[in-house]
Structure formats: C-alpha cells, structure tokens
N, C-alpha and C. Protein backbone atom coordinates (compact mmCIF):
# COMPACT_ATOMS: atom_id res chain seq x y z
N MET A 1 8.35 178.41 90.24
CA MET A 1 9.76 178.53 90.21
C MET A 1 10.56 179.03 91.25
N ARG A 2 9.87 179.83 92.02
CA ARG A 2 10.43 179.93 93.36
C ARG A 2 10.89 178.98 94.31
N ASN A 3 10.07 177.69 94.13
CA ASN A 3 10.26 176.38 95.03
C ASN A 3 11.67 175.98 94.39
N TYR A 4 11.53 175.96 92.96
CA TYR A 4 12.83 175.48 92.51
C TYR A 4 14.06 176.26 92.86
N LYS A 5 14.20 177.44 92.83
CA LYS A 5 15.30 178.06 93.33
C LYS A 5 15.35 177.95 94.65
N ASN A 6 14.49 177.84 95.43
CA ASN A 6 14.60 177.43 96.92
C ASN A 6 15.39 175.98 97.01
N ALA A 7 14.85 174.96 96.36
CA ALA A 7 15.19 173.78 96.49
C ALA A 7 16.82 173.61 95.86
N LEU A 8 16.91 174.26 94.84
CA LEU A 8 18.46 174.17 94.20
C LEU A 8 19.21 175.13 95.10
N LYS A 9 18.97 176.18 95.80
CA LYS A 9 19.84 176.78 97.01
C LYS A 9 20.00 175.87 97.90
N HIS A 10 18.87 175.17 98.56
CA HIS A 10 18.86 174.27 99.68
C HIS A 10 19.92 173.14 99.18
N ILE A 11 20.00 172.74 98.12
CA ILE A 11 20.55 171.48 97.68
C ILE A 11 22.08 171.98 97.57
N ASN A 12 22.32 173.31 97.08
CA ASN A 12 23.72 173.68 96.87
C ASN A 12 24.37 173.97 98.40
N LYS A 13 23.50 174.15 99.17
CA LYS A 13 24.00 174.59 100.58
C LYS A 13 24.43 173.08 101.29
N GLU A 14 23.52 172.05 101.13
CA GLU A 14 23.95 170.76 101.55
C GLU A 14 24.92 170.42 100.92
N LYS A 15 25.31 170.27 99.20
CA LYS A 15 26.57 170.10 99.05
C LYS A 15 27.70 170.74 99.28
N LEU A 16 27.68 171.88 99.78
CA LEU A 16 28.64 172.87 100.27
C LEU A 16 29.08 172.09 101.58
N SER A 17 27.85 172.13 102.30
CA SER A 17 28.20 171.64 103.61
C SER A 17 28.84 170.10 103.65
N THR A 18 28.30 169.16 102.74
CA THR A 18 29.10 167.69 102.61
C THR A 18 30.55 168.21 102.30
N GLN A 19 30.70 168.84 101.21
CA GLN A 19 32.04 169.23 100.79
C GLN A 19 32.98 169.57 101.79
N LYS A 20 32.54 170.49 102.80
CA LYS A 20 33.27 171.01 104.00
C LYS A 20 33.62 170.02 104.94
N ILE A 21 32.42 168.91 105.07
CA ILE A 21 32.73 167.77 106.08
C ILE A 21 33.67 167.29 105.34
N GLU A 22 33.62 166.48 104.19
CA GLU A 22 34.67 165.60 103.45
C GLU A 22 36.15 166.31 103.50
N LEU A 23 36.21 167.50 103.31
CA LEU A 23 37.52 168.24 103.49
C LEU A 23 38.19 168.20 104.89
N ALA A 24 37.34 168.45 105.80
CA ALA A 24 37.64 168.38 107.07
C ALA A 24 38.31 167.01 107.57
N LEU A 25 37.40 166.05 106.99
CA LEU A 25 37.90 164.55 107.39
C LEU A 25 39.11 164.31 106.51
N ILE A 26 39.45 164.95 105.26
CA ILE A 26 40.89 164.48 104.92
C ILE A 26 41.97 165.26 105.20
N ASP A 27 41.49 166.39 105.92
CA ASP A 27 42.30 167.11 106.66
C ASP A 27 43.04 166.38 107.86
N ASP A 28 41.95 165.78 108.60
CA ASP A 28 41.99 165.23 109.88
C ASP A 28 42.83 163.88 109.71
N PHE A 29 42.35 163.18 108.38
CA PHE A 29 43.51 162.00 108.11
C PHE A 29 44.76 162.42 107.80
N ASN A 30 44.94 163.33 106.93
CA ASN A 30 46.28 163.60 106.50
C ASN A 30 47.16 164.23 107.80
N GLU A 31 46.44 165.06 108.77
CA GLU A 31 47.28 165.11 110.04
C GLU A 31 47.74 163.87 110.63
N VAL A 32 46.59 162.87 110.86
CA VAL A 32 46.83 161.67 111.46
C VAL A 32 47.87 161.05 110.88
N LEU A 33 47.97 160.88 109.47
CA LEU A 33 48.96 160.37 109.02
C LEU A 33 50.35 160.94 109.13
N ASP A 34 50.60 162.19 108.94
CA ASP A 34 51.82 162.75 109.27
C ASP A 34 52.57 162.57 110.85
N THR A 35 51.29 162.49 111.70
CA THR A 35 51.77 162.13 112.98
C THR A 35 52.33 160.84 113.24
N LEU A 36 51.59 159.84 112.78
CA LEU A 36 51.95 158.43 112.79
C LEU A 36 53.23 158.07 111.92
N GLN A 37 53.63 158.89 110.81
CA GLN A 37 54.79 158.72 110.16
C GLN A 37 55.92 159.32 110.97
N ARG A 38 55.52 160.14 111.97
CA ARG A 38 56.77 160.95 112.86
C ARG A 38 56.91 160.07 113.78
N TYR A 39 55.77 159.45 114.31
CA TYR A 39 56.04 158.09 115.22
C TYR A 39 56.98 157.06 114.91
N ASP A 40 56.65 156.77 113.59
CA ASP A 40 56.98 155.48 113.06
C ASP A 40 58.66 155.83 112.73
N LYS A 41 58.80 157.20 112.53
CA LYS A 41 60.36 157.39 112.50
C LYS A 41 61.14 157.25 113.67
N VAL A 42 60.75 158.01 114.59
CA VAL A 42 61.15 158.43 116.01
C VAL A 42 61.19 156.88 116.62
N ILE A 43 60.29 156.13 116.65
CA ILE A 43 60.09 154.96 117.35
C ILE A 43 61.17 154.10 116.74
N GLY A 44 61.21 153.90 115.25
CA GLY A 44 61.91 153.09 114.78
C GLY A 44 63.46 153.39 115.13
N GLN A 45 64.03 154.59 114.86
CA GLN A 45 65.27 155.05 115.30
C GLN A 45 65.67 154.80 116.78
N ASN A 46 65.00 154.95 117.36
CA ASN A 46 64.92 154.94 118.88
C ASN A 46 65.02 153.38 119.06
N GLY A 47 64.07 152.66 118.56
CA GLY A 47 63.93 151.22 118.45
C GLY A 47 65.28 150.41 118.33
N GLN A 48 66.09 150.95 117.35
CA GLN A 48 67.16 150.29 116.67
C GLN A 48 68.30 150.58 117.77
N LYS A 49 68.33 151.81 118.40
CA LYS A 49 69.40 152.29 119.17
C LYS A 49 69.08 151.39 120.20
N LEU A 50 67.86 150.97 121.12
CA LEU A 50 67.43 150.20 122.03
C LEU A 50 68.17 148.78 121.77
N PHE A 51 67.96 148.48 120.59
CA PHE A 51 68.23 147.06 120.29
C PHE A 51 69.75 146.64 120.35
N ASN A 52 70.20 147.79 119.56
CA ASN A 52 71.76 147.87 119.65
C ASN A 52 72.43 148.05 121.20
N ALA A 53 71.90 148.80 121.84
CA ALA A 53 72.38 148.64 123.23
C ALA A 53 72.18 147.58 123.82
N TYR A 54 71.12 147.02 123.81
CA TYR A 54 70.56 145.63 124.47
C TYR A 54 71.46 144.61 124.01
N SER A 55 72.10 144.49 122.63
CA SER A 55 73.18 143.31 122.21
C SER A 55 74.27 143.84 123.05
N ASP A 56 74.56 145.33 123.00
CA ASP A 56 75.86 145.50 123.66
C ASP A 56 76.05 144.85 124.99
N ILE A 57 75.11 145.34 125.68
CA ILE A 57 74.82 144.82 127.31
C ILE A 57 75.14 143.42 127.28
N GLN A 58 74.24 142.62 126.18
CA GLN A 58 74.33 141.13 126.33
C GLN A 58 75.95 140.41 126.06
N SER A 59 76.57 141.31 125.45
CA SER A 59 77.74 141.13 125.22
C SER A 59 78.76 141.02 126.14
N ILE A 60 78.56 142.42 126.94
CA ILE A 60 79.20 142.83 128.11
C ILE A 60 79.17 141.74 129.11
N GLY A 61 77.86 141.55 129.31
CA GLY A 61 77.37 140.44 130.10
C GLY A 61 77.72 139.11 130.00
N ASN A 62 78.30 138.68 128.72
CA ASN A 62 78.81 137.32 128.74
C ASN A 62 80.43 137.45 128.98
N LYS A 63 81.01 138.79 128.76
CA LYS A 63 82.24 138.84 129.10
C LYS A 63 82.70 138.99 130.60
N LEU A 64 81.63 139.51 131.24
CA LEU A 64 81.76 139.86 132.75
C LEU A 64 81.32 138.20 133.25
N ASP A 65 80.40 137.42 132.68
CA ASP A 65 80.37 136.28 133.34
C ASP A 65 81.65 135.59 132.97
N SER A 66 82.00 135.33 131.80
CA SER A 66 83.47 134.82 131.81
C SER A 66 84.56 135.30 132.73
N ALA A 67 84.84 136.55 132.71
CA ALA A 67 85.82 137.16 133.45
C ALA A 67 85.59 136.32 135.04
N TYR A 68 84.22 136.84 135.38
CA TYR A 68 83.84 136.17 136.78
C TYR A 68 84.22 134.98 137.15
N GLU A 69 83.88 134.03 136.26
CA GLU A 69 84.24 132.66 136.53
C GLU A 69 85.68 132.46 136.49
N GLY A 70 86.41 133.09 135.59
CA GLY A 70 87.99 133.04 135.60
C GLY A 70 88.68 133.54 136.68
N ALA A 71 88.22 134.58 137.44
CA ALA A 71 88.69 135.21 138.40
C ALA A 71 88.26 134.18 139.74
N TYR A 72 86.98 133.99 139.71
CA TYR A 72 86.34 133.57 141.18
C TYR A 72 86.81 131.93 141.03
N ASP A 73 87.00 131.24 139.94
CA ASP A 73 87.13 129.77 140.17
C ASP A 73 88.48 129.48 140.95
N PHE A 74 89.48 130.48 140.75
CA PHE A 74 90.62 130.26 141.35
C PHE A 74 90.79 130.74 142.66
N ILE A 75 90.09 131.53 143.20
CA ILE A 75 90.36 132.33 144.38
C ILE A 75 90.58 131.44 145.30
N ASP A 76 89.84 130.31 145.64
CA ASP A 76 89.83 129.48 146.85
C ASP A 76 91.24 128.77 146.75
N ASP A 77 91.52 128.31 145.37
CA ASP A 77 93.08 127.57 145.22
C ASP A 77 94.00 128.66 145.51
N ALA A 78 93.87 129.71 145.46
CA ALA A 78 95.09 130.74 145.49
C ALA A 78 95.06 131.05 146.83
N GLU A 79 94.08 131.05 147.50
CA GLU A 79 93.96 131.52 149.00
C GLU A 79 94.73 130.24 149.86
N GLN A 80 94.70 129.02 149.22
CA GLN A 80 95.14 127.92 149.84
C GLN A 80 96.63 127.93 149.38
N GLU A 81 97.20 128.39 148.36
CA GLU A 81 98.74 128.63 148.02
C GLU A 81 99.11 129.74 149.03
N ILE A 82 98.53 130.83 149.13
CA ILE A 82 99.12 131.78 149.99
C ILE A 82 99.14 131.40 151.50
N LYS A 83 98.48 130.57 151.70
CA LYS A 83 98.53 130.18 153.29
C LYS A 83 99.82 129.18 153.21
N LYS A 84 100.05 128.46 152.40
CA LYS A 84 101.23 127.35 152.15
C LYS A 84 102.52 128.20 152.17
N ALA A 85 102.42 129.63 151.33
CA ALA A 85 103.52 130.27 150.78
C ALA A 85 104.08 131.07 152.27
N GLU A 86 102.87 131.44 153.10
CA GLU A 86 103.17 132.05 154.34
C GLU A 86 103.91 131.21 155.27
N ASN A 87 103.13 129.91 155.51
CA ASN A 87 103.74 128.96 156.08
C ASN A 87 105.17 128.69 155.76
N ILE A 88 105.55 128.46 154.46
CA ILE A 88 106.93 128.32 154.16
C ILE A 88 108.01 129.29 154.44
N VAL A 89 107.47 130.42 154.07
CA VAL A 89 108.08 131.55 154.15
C VAL A 89 108.44 131.86 155.83
N ASN A 90 107.56 131.58 156.87
CA ASN A 90 107.82 131.64 158.17
C ASN A 90 108.90 130.63 158.55
N LYS A 91 108.78 129.39 158.11
CA LYS A 91 109.48 128.29 158.51
C LYS A 91 110.75 128.45 158.06
N LEU A 92 111.21 128.98 156.73
CA LEU A 92 112.46 129.27 156.13
C LEU A 92 112.88 130.57 156.79
N ALA A 93 112.20 131.54 157.37
CA ALA A 93 112.90 132.74 157.86
C ALA A 93 113.51 132.26 159.20
N ALA A 94 112.76 131.24 159.90
CA ALA A 94 113.21 130.73 161.27
C ALA A 94 114.38 130.09 161.20
N SER A 95 114.61 129.13 160.02
CA SER A 95 115.53 128.14 160.03
C SER A 95 116.61 129.10 159.67
N ALA A 96 116.63 130.34 158.61
CA ALA A 96 117.56 131.04 158.05
C ALA A 96 118.23 131.78 159.56
N LYS A 97 117.29 132.28 160.31
CA LYS A 97 117.72 132.98 161.38
C LYS A 97 118.58 132.05 162.23
N GLU A 98 118.29 130.94 162.31
CA GLU A 98 118.91 130.02 163.25
C GLU A 98 120.54 129.80 162.64
N LEU A 99 120.47 129.85 161.38
CA LEU A 99 121.82 129.51 160.80
C LEU A 99 122.48 131.10 160.45
N GLY A 100 122.00 132.11 160.99
CA GLY A 100 122.61 133.48 160.97
C GLY A 100 122.74 133.90 159.65
N ILE A 101 121.57 133.43 158.75
CA ILE A 101 121.20 134.17 157.36
C ILE A 101 120.22 135.03 157.45
N ASP A 102 120.42 136.27 156.87
CA ASP A 102 119.33 137.17 156.62
C ASP A 102 118.49 136.61 155.78
N PRO A 103 117.24 136.19 156.11
CA PRO A 103 115.79 135.69 155.19
C PRO A 103 115.62 136.57 153.95
N LYS A 104 115.85 137.69 154.04
CA LYS A 104 115.53 138.79 152.76
C LYS A 104 116.80 138.16 151.71
N SER A 105 117.73 137.65 152.16
CA SER A 105 118.97 137.49 151.30
C SER A 105 118.59 136.05 150.36
N ILE A 106 117.71 135.47 150.84
CA ILE A 106 117.22 134.03 150.10
C ILE A 106 116.55 134.29 148.79
N LYS A 107 117.23 133.71 147.87
CA LYS A 107 116.70 134.21 146.43
C LYS A 107 114.95 133.65 146.39
N GLY A 108 114.17 134.48 146.04
CA GLY A 108 112.84 134.36 145.77
C GLY A 108 111.99 134.69 147.04
N THR A 109 112.32 135.13 148.22
CA THR A 109 111.57 135.64 149.40
C THR A 109 110.93 136.82 149.08
N LYS A 110 111.83 137.84 148.45
CA LYS A 110 111.02 139.18 148.21
C LYS A 110 110.24 139.14 147.23
N GLU A 111 110.40 138.16 146.37
CA GLU A 111 109.27 137.98 144.81
C GLU A 111 107.99 137.20 145.62
N ILE A 112 108.46 136.54 146.62
CA ILE A 112 107.01 135.61 146.95
C ILE A 112 106.12 136.57 147.98
N VAL A 113 107.04 137.30 148.83
CA VAL A 113 106.21 138.26 149.63
C VAL A 113 105.49 139.51 148.72
N LYS A 114 105.93 139.81 147.51
CA LYS A 114 105.62 140.66 146.52
C LYS A 114 104.28 140.08 146.05
N VAL A 115 104.31 138.82 145.50
CA VAL A 115 103.20 138.16 144.68
C VAL A 115 102.13 137.91 145.63
N THR A 116 102.57 137.57 146.78
CA THR A 116 101.48 137.22 147.69
C THR A 116 100.55 138.71 148.16
N ALA A 117 101.48 139.55 148.60
CA ALA A 117 100.73 140.58 148.73
C ALA A 117 99.90 141.30 147.73
N ASN A 118 100.52 141.03 146.33
CA ASN A 118 99.66 141.62 145.15
C ASN A 118 98.56 140.72 145.11
N LEU A 119 98.44 139.44 145.08
CA LEU A 119 97.17 138.72 145.03
C LEU A 119 96.42 138.75 146.19
N GLU A 120 96.81 139.13 147.48
CA GLU A 120 95.77 139.46 148.44
C GLU A 120 94.84 140.63 148.16
N ASP A 121 95.81 141.74 147.75
CA ASP A 121 94.99 142.97 147.45
C ASP A 121 93.89 142.76 146.24
N THR A 122 94.33 141.96 145.43
CA THR A 122 93.35 141.57 143.96
C THR A 122 92.19 141.04 144.69
N ILE A 123 92.60 139.59 145.30
CA ILE A 123 91.20 139.03 146.03
C ILE A 123 90.40 139.71 146.72
N ASN A 124 90.80 140.55 147.69
CA ASN A 124 90.29 141.27 148.43
C ASN A 124 89.33 142.46 147.76
N THR A 125 89.91 142.96 146.57
CA THR A 125 89.25 143.83 145.83
C THR A 125 88.07 143.09 144.99
N LEU A 126 88.44 141.87 144.26
CA LEU A 126 87.50 141.34 143.82
C LEU A 126 86.28 140.88 144.78
N ASN A 127 86.64 140.46 146.03
CA ASN A 127 85.64 140.29 146.94
C ASN A 127 84.77 141.40 147.28
N LYS A 128 85.29 142.54 147.38
CA LYS A 128 84.11 143.83 147.68
C LYS A 128 83.42 143.80 146.50
N PHE A 129 83.62 143.55 145.22
CA PHE A 129 82.57 143.77 144.35
C PHE A 129 81.70 142.34 143.76
N LYS A 130 82.00 141.26 144.56
CA LYS A 130 81.36 140.26 144.19
C LYS A 130 79.81 140.02 144.16
N SER A 131 79.32 140.62 145.34
CA SER A 131 78.01 140.52 145.37
C SER A 131 77.18 141.66 144.06
N ASP A 132 78.04 142.89 144.23
CA ASP A 132 77.43 143.91 142.90
C ASP A 132 77.38 142.87 141.57
N ILE A 133 78.57 142.17 141.51
CA ILE A 133 78.56 141.67 140.13
C ILE A 133 77.51 140.55 139.95
N LYS A 134 77.48 139.74 140.95
CA LYS A 134 76.42 138.76 141.06
C LYS A 134 75.15 139.34 140.55
N LYS A 135 74.72 140.56 141.28
CA LYS A 135 73.56 141.07 140.84
C LYS A 135 73.50 141.33 139.34
N ILE A 136 74.44 142.13 138.82
CA ILE A 136 74.53 142.42 137.41
C ILE A 136 74.24 141.23 136.50
N LEU A 137 74.98 140.12 136.84
CA LEU A 137 74.75 138.85 136.13
C LEU A 137 73.47 138.24 136.24
N ASN A 138 72.74 138.57 137.48
CA ASN A 138 71.80 137.78 137.82
C ASN A 138 70.55 138.55 137.01
N SER A 139 70.81 139.91 136.67
CA SER A 139 69.62 140.69 135.90
C SER A 139 69.82 140.63 134.43
N LEU A 140 71.07 140.06 133.99
CA LEU A 140 70.95 139.88 132.36
C LEU A 140 70.20 138.57 132.34
C-alpha cells in the first residue's frame, strides 16, 4: 500500500508540474499575443501616417514639377526679351535726348524698366534654387 501511496504522490507531483508548465506556456502565449497586438496597432497607425505623408509628398512633387516646368521653360525666352527691351530702351533714350525729350517722359519707359527689373530679380531668385529643386525632383 505504501508503494501505491508513493506512486500516487509521485503521479500527483508530475501532474502538478505538468500543469505548472502548461500554465507558464499559456502565460507566455498571452504575453506574446498582447505584445503583437500592441505592435500591430502602433505600426498600423504609423504606417497609415507614413502612407498619407508619402502621398502628400508625391502630390507636392507633382506640383513642384509642374511649377518648375512652367517657370524654367520660359526663362530663356524672357531673358531674350529683356535684352531686346534694354536695347530698345537705350536706343529710345538716345533718340529722345537728341530731340531734347526726357526719356522718362515717354509713355511706358518707367513700366518697362520696372517690369524688366522685377523679372530679372525673379529669374535670379529662381536660378539660385534651381539645383536644389532639381535634386528634390530627382529624389521623388
């Protein structure tokens, strides 16, 4: 009978040890599940923000590309027109002086000087940023 009690005691200890191991595995499983669920939530939220930001950048890149083409496609032509304007204004001023007329009194001379100066400033500013803009466009 003693052997029976010892055997029963030994079996109960083994069952208890097995149950403890199983409970520890379930605890580990639940801990891993909770951790994965947190990662899923955080990565999902930030991933959505990332895709939204990427979409915004693509949209801005398209706008930048369109504006770049619109601005730089006409710079060469505008510079040619500025040279023509300067040439004509110089000839007009010389002719006006020969006739004793103040060149500034001729209609449009102030405006052409103003628009030419403004256009040159704009072109100079655009040219300062041209390489940076190209780098941005090339990276998209």
